[in-house]
Protein backbone atom coordinates (compact mmCIF):
# COMPACT_ATOMS: atom_id res chain seq x y z
CA MET A 1 -10.55 16.96 25.47
CA PRO A 2 -9.74 19.30 28.80
CA ALA A 3 -8.95 17.44 32.11
CA ILE A 4 -11.21 16.62 34.55
CA SER A 5 -11.11 16.79 38.49
CA SER A 6 -12.08 13.40 40.21
CA THR A 7 -12.77 15.69 43.17
CA ARG A 8 -16.71 16.35 42.76
CA SER A 9 -16.88 19.47 44.24
CA ALA A 10 -19.13 20.49 47.13
CA PRO A 11 -21.47 22.91 44.84
CA GLY A 12 -20.86 19.88 42.74
CA ARG A 13 -22.52 17.49 44.85
CA ALA A 14 -25.32 20.52 45.93
CA TRP A 15 -26.45 20.28 42.27
CA ILE A 16 -26.19 16.57 41.11
CA GLY A 17 -27.18 14.07 42.34
CA GLY A 18 -26.56 10.01 42.12
CA ASP A 19 -22.92 8.42 42.73
CA PRO A 20 -19.82 10.89 41.83
CA GLU A 21 -16.93 8.11 42.22
CA THR A 22 -19.05 5.67 39.94
CA THR A 23 -17.69 3.04 38.08
CA ARG A 24 -20.41 2.54 35.39
CA ARG A 25 -19.93 3.80 32.13
CA LEU A 26 -22.05 6.68 31.03
CA ARG A 27 -23.39 9.15 33.26
CA LEU A 28 -27.12 9.83 32.28
CA PHE A 29 -28.18 13.57 33.76
CA ALA A 30 -32.16 14.30 33.99
CA LEU A 31 -33.30 17.96 34.11
CA PRO A 32 -37.30 18.72 35.65
CA PHE A 33 -39.97 20.29 34.35
CA ALA A 34 -41.62 23.26 35.94
CA GLY A 35 -43.08 22.13 39.76
CA GLY A 36 -40.76 18.81 39.33
CA ASN A 37 -37.66 17.43 41.00
CA ALA A 38 -35.00 14.85 41.23
CA ALA A 39 -37.89 12.65 42.95
CA SER A 40 -39.55 13.24 39.66
CA PHE A 41 -37.30 10.37 38.41
CA GLY A 42 -37.70 7.79 41.63
CA GLU A 43 -38.25 5.07 39.57
CA TRP A 44 -35.84 5.31 36.62
CA PRO A 45 -32.25 4.22 38.16
CA ALA A 46 -33.75 0.73 38.85
CA ARG A 47 -34.81 0.46 35.22
CA LEU A 48 -31.67 1.55 33.52
CA PRO A 49 -28.91 -1.21 32.71
CA GLY A 50 -26.25 -1.05 35.20
CA SER A 51 -23.87 0.51 32.93
CA ILE A 52 -25.94 4.09 32.75
CA ALA A 53 -25.34 6.06 36.42
CA PHE A 54 -28.48 7.66 36.83
CA SER A 55 -27.81 11.41 37.65
CA PRO A 56 -30.65 13.85 38.24
CA VAL A 57 -30.28 17.73 38.74
CA HIS A 58 -30.83 18.78 41.97
CA LEU A 59 -32.18 22.83 41.58
CA PRO A 60 -32.28 25.03 43.81
CA GLY A 61 -35.89 25.87 46.00
CA ARG A 62 -36.81 22.38 46.59
CA GLU A 63 -36.27 19.12 48.40
CA ARG A 64 -32.42 19.14 49.33
CA ARG A 65 -31.76 22.55 48.62
CA ILE A 66 -35.44 24.24 49.92
CA MET A 67 -33.46 26.34 52.16
CA GLU A 68 -32.30 27.96 48.83
CA PRO A 69 -33.76 30.56 46.53
CA ALA A 70 -35.02 29.12 42.79
CA ILE A 71 -33.73 30.41 40.18
CA ASP A 72 -36.18 32.50 37.43
CA ASP A 73 -33.64 32.90 34.98
CA ALA A 74 -32.86 30.89 32.60
CA ARG A 75 -29.20 31.97 32.08
CA MET A 76 -28.20 32.57 35.77
CA LEU A 77 -29.12 29.25 36.31
CA ILE A 78 -27.22 28.05 33.43
CA ALA A 79 -23.85 29.89 34.59
CA GLN A 80 -24.59 27.90 38.25
CA LEU A 81 -24.84 24.39 36.53
CA VAL A 82 -22.14 24.48 34.31
CA PRO A 83 -19.07 24.62 36.85
CA ALA A 84 -21.39 22.48 38.98
CA ILE A 85 -21.64 19.40 36.43
CA ALA A 86 -18.27 19.84 34.78
CA PRO A 87 -16.99 17.69 37.14
CA TRP A 88 -19.12 14.79 36.59
CA LEU A 89 -18.06 15.31 33.12
CA ASP A 90 -15.14 12.55 33.58
CA ARG A 91 -17.19 9.88 31.02
CA PRO A 92 -19.72 9.98 27.91
CA TYR A 93 -23.20 11.14 28.94
CA ALA A 94 -26.41 12.04 28.47
CA LEU A 95 -28.59 14.96 28.97
CA PHE A 96 -32.64 14.37 29.57
CA GLY A 97 -35.29 16.58 29.95
CA HIS A 98 -39.07 16.95 30.00
CA SER A 99 -40.56 20.72 28.92
CA MET A 100 -38.60 23.09 30.89
CA GLY A 101 -35.96 20.50 31.50
CA ALA A 102 -35.79 20.40 27.58
CA MET A 103 -35.04 23.72 27.48
CA LEU A 104 -32.44 23.38 30.26
CA ALA A 105 -30.41 20.13 28.15
CA TYR A 106 -30.40 22.15 25.38
CA GLU A 107 -28.25 25.24 26.85
CA LEU A 108 -26.35 23.57 29.42
CA ALA A 109 -25.32 21.73 26.21
CA GLN A 110 -24.47 24.78 24.10
CA ALA A 111 -22.90 26.15 27.03
CA LEU A 112 -20.35 23.05 27.87
CA GLN A 113 -20.15 23.17 24.05
CA HIS A 114 -19.00 27.06 24.07
CA ARG A 115 -16.91 26.55 26.32
CA GLY A 116 -14.77 23.72 25.34
CA LEU A 117 -15.93 21.11 27.41
CA PRO A 118 -16.80 17.23 26.91
CA GLY A 119 -20.46 17.51 25.31
CA PRO A 120 -23.16 15.30 25.26
CA GLU A 121 -23.26 11.55 23.29
CA LEU A 122 -26.79 12.84 23.14
CA VAL A 123 -29.50 15.25 23.86
CA ILE A 124 -33.01 14.26 24.98
CA ILE A 125 -35.47 16.09 24.07
CA SER A 126 -39.23 15.36 25.73
CA GLY A 127 -42.37 17.65 25.59
CA HIS A 128 -40.48 20.43 24.08
CA GLY A 129 -40.40 22.19 20.92
CA ALA A 130 -36.96 23.72 19.16
CA PRO A 131 -36.22 27.06 21.42
CA ASN A 132 -36.32 29.29 18.33
CA LEU A 133 -40.10 28.48 17.73
CA PRO A 134 -43.20 31.06 19.27
CA ARG A 135 -43.91 30.62 22.57
CA ARG A 136 -46.81 27.90 23.43
CA PHE A 137 -47.36 27.82 27.41
CA PRO A 138 -49.73 31.37 28.37
CA VAL A 139 -48.18 33.37 31.26
CA ILE A 140 -49.37 32.92 34.64
CA SER A 141 -46.45 33.43 36.89
CA HIS A 142 -47.13 36.61 37.56
CA LEU A 143 -50.65 36.19 39.02
CA ALA A 144 -52.24 35.65 42.21
CA ASP A 145 -51.61 32.31 44.15
CA ALA A 146 -54.97 30.90 43.53
CA ASP A 147 -55.33 31.81 39.50
CA PHE A 148 -51.34 30.74 39.26
CA LEU A 149 -52.81 27.25 40.83
CA ALA A 150 -55.13 26.87 38.66
CA ALA A 151 -53.87 28.14 35.69
CA VAL A 152 -50.67 25.33 37.00
CA MET A 153 -53.81 22.57 37.19
CA GLU A 154 -54.93 23.03 33.37
CA LEU A 155 -52.21 22.25 32.63
CA GLY A 156 -51.45 19.20 34.33
CA GLY A 157 -48.33 19.83 36.12
CA LEU A 158 -49.56 19.21 39.69
CA PRO A 159 -50.49 16.64 41.76
CA ALA A 160 -54.48 17.11 43.15
CA VAL A 161 -53.68 16.17 46.28
CA LEU A 162 -50.24 18.89 46.86
CA LEU A 163 -53.70 21.41 46.96
CA GLU A 164 -55.31 19.64 50.12
CA GLU A 165 -51.67 20.23 52.06
CA PRO A 166 -51.23 24.12 52.60
CA GLU A 167 -47.67 23.87 54.32
CA LEU A 168 -46.55 22.14 51.37
CA LEU A 169 -48.00 23.84 48.97
CA ALA A 170 -46.42 27.19 51.02
CA LEU A 171 -43.08 25.42 50.36
CA VAL A 172 -43.26 24.24 46.77
CA LEU A 173 -45.03 27.32 45.37
CA PRO A 174 -42.04 29.69 45.59
CA ALA A 175 -39.61 27.31 42.72
CA LEU A 176 -42.78 26.58 40.52
CA ARG A 177 -43.61 29.92 39.96
CA ALA A 178 -39.96 30.61 39.67
CA ASP A 179 -40.00 27.98 37.13
CA PHE A 180 -43.38 29.09 34.91
CA LYS A 181 -41.51 32.68 35.30
CA LEU A 182 -37.78 31.10 34.07
CA CYS A 183 -39.80 29.96 31.02
CA GLU A 184 -41.65 32.66 29.98
CA THR A 185 -38.93 34.54 29.82
CA TYR A 186 -36.40 32.48 28.41
CA ASP A 187 -35.15 34.32 25.23
CA TRP A 188 -33.38 31.87 22.53
CA ARG A 189 -30.03 33.12 20.75
CA PRO A 190 -28.65 31.92 17.81
CA ARG A 191 -25.70 29.38 18.43
CA PRO A 192 -24.10 26.96 16.69
CA ALA A 193 -25.56 24.10 16.47
CA LEU A 194 -24.70 21.31 18.40
CA ALA A 195 -22.37 18.46 17.69
CA CYS A 196 -24.29 15.44 18.87
CA PRO A 197 -27.95 13.97 17.54
CA ILE A 198 -30.95 14.87 19.35
CA LEU A 199 -33.56 12.58 20.51
CA ALA A 200 -37.19 14.30 20.79
CA ILE A 201 -40.22 12.13 22.26
CA GLY A 202 -43.83 13.42 22.95
CA GLY A 203 -46.77 12.77 23.69
CA ARG A 204 -49.77 12.04 20.38
CA SER A 205 -52.11 14.21 22.48
CA ASP A 206 -49.98 17.05 23.69
CA PRO A 207 -51.25 20.35 22.53
CA ILE A 208 -48.08 22.01 23.16
CA ALA A 209 -45.14 19.85 21.46
CA GLY A 210 -46.95 18.04 18.74
CA LEU A 211 -44.39 15.93 16.39
CA PRO A 212 -44.23 19.12 14.17
CA GLU A 213 -42.90 20.68 16.98
CA LEU A 214 -40.18 17.79 17.87
CA GLN A 215 -38.92 17.27 14.51
CA SER A 216 -38.11 21.21 14.89
CA TRP A 217 -35.06 20.56 16.69
CA GLN A 218 -33.02 19.10 13.83
CA ALA A 219 -31.92 22.69 13.11
CA MET A 220 -30.30 22.40 16.96
CA THR A 221 -28.36 19.76 15.61
CA SER A 222 -25.77 19.60 12.98
CA GLN A 223 -26.03 15.53 13.10
CA THR A 224 -29.05 13.43 13.41
CA LEU A 225 -32.54 14.01 14.81
CA THR A 226 -34.71 11.27 15.76
CA CYS A 227 -38.69 11.29 16.78
CA GLU A 228 -40.30 8.91 18.75
CA MET A 229 -44.26 9.64 20.11
CA PHE A 230 -46.14 8.21 23.12
CA ASP A 231 -49.52 7.59 24.18
CA GLY A 232 -50.31 10.24 26.53
CA ASN A 233 -50.38 14.38 27.01
CA HIS A 234 -48.00 16.74 27.68
CA PHE A 235 -47.14 14.64 31.06
CA PHE A 236 -47.20 11.22 29.10
CA ILE A 237 -43.43 10.43 30.53
CA HIS A 238 -45.16 9.29 34.10
CA HIS A 239 -47.78 6.49 32.36
CA ALA A 240 -45.59 5.58 29.64
CA MET A 241 -41.70 5.76 32.08
CA PRO A 242 -40.76 2.46 31.57
CA ALA A 243 -40.52 2.34 27.87
CA VAL A 244 -39.16 5.81 28.13
CA VAL A 245 -36.53 4.47 29.80
CA ALA A 246 -36.33 1.60 27.83
CA LEU A 247 -36.19 4.09 24.51
CA ILE A 248 -33.46 5.88 25.74
CA ALA A 249 -31.06 3.18 27.23
CA ARG A 250 -31.79 1.60 23.66
CA ALA A 251 -30.47 4.87 21.93
CA ILE A 252 -27.85 5.28 24.01
CA ALA A 253 -26.34 1.76 23.63
CA GLU A 254 -26.95 2.11 19.65
CA ARG A 255 -25.16 5.62 20.27
CA LEU A 256 -22.15 3.82 22.04
CA ARG A 257 -22.23 0.99 20.19
CA ASP A 258 -22.39 -0.91 23.62
CA PRO A 259 -25.33 -3.86 24.12
CA SER A 260 -24.59 -3.78 27.38
CA CYS A 261 -26.43 0.01 27.76
CA ALA A 262 -29.65 -2.04 26.97
CA ARG A 263 -29.00 -5.60 28.72
CA GLY A 264 -31.57 -6.43 30.86
CA LEU A 265 -34.48 -4.96 29.03
CA THR A 266 -37.25 -6.67 28.42
CA ALA A 267 -39.36 -7.49 25.22
CA SER A 268 -42.28 -5.73 26.30
CA GLU A 269 -39.64 -2.54 27.44
CA LEU A 270 -37.71 -1.90 24.18
CA ARG A 271 -41.46 -1.57 22.44
CA ILE A 272 -42.72 2.08 22.34
CA SER A 273 -46.11 2.44 23.91
């Protein structure tokens, strides 16, 4: 395993949230959905066991990086993220991503594997089929603002209250549009399968990523694939968040054979909704 510097670089601190010098056993990195940000995972740290350090990925063009241009090309984004996250791979880690974030988590794992850097113990895919499947999302990033926002609202990926705040909307719109363009222009390339297991989760009422789409991830890993379904649509991760986080913690504990990674979870949290 290549040596990892104990110093967290300034670029890494821009990209990666959480505690860089944590003593916790494992890191859980989370990549957001289109239009999402680190705050989308606001309640996750408090619900995770103490042995798991939570590190949301901060993409350019939002929150503390609002003044930076958003990146609308997946390969460019991953090329910048790899050196930023590399110093944080000093202990076992897992990758989580929902929708756009699922595709980015897969591409990040592929890039790290290709470069010989430490790979994840587990990749958790949410609300997205395998990247070799035909694209299910409509092409909307080129639309005028009003039509673009209407299409996003129809997909359920934008809080309605945001439309009532023109100044805030103007701030988030460039990153939102860039995210959709990134998804629309993403081009999967065949590469060796990932060398870690995949946990794929989805909503039972999700028209984009149902059980068949989740099962398609088996072709992307040389290890096991586990699929779990929750009540809800494409954004089931919001209302089912406690059960989603509990499932992830349990899956990590089983992967590491370390009960402490699931310690503190209640019986109701350990049940899938």
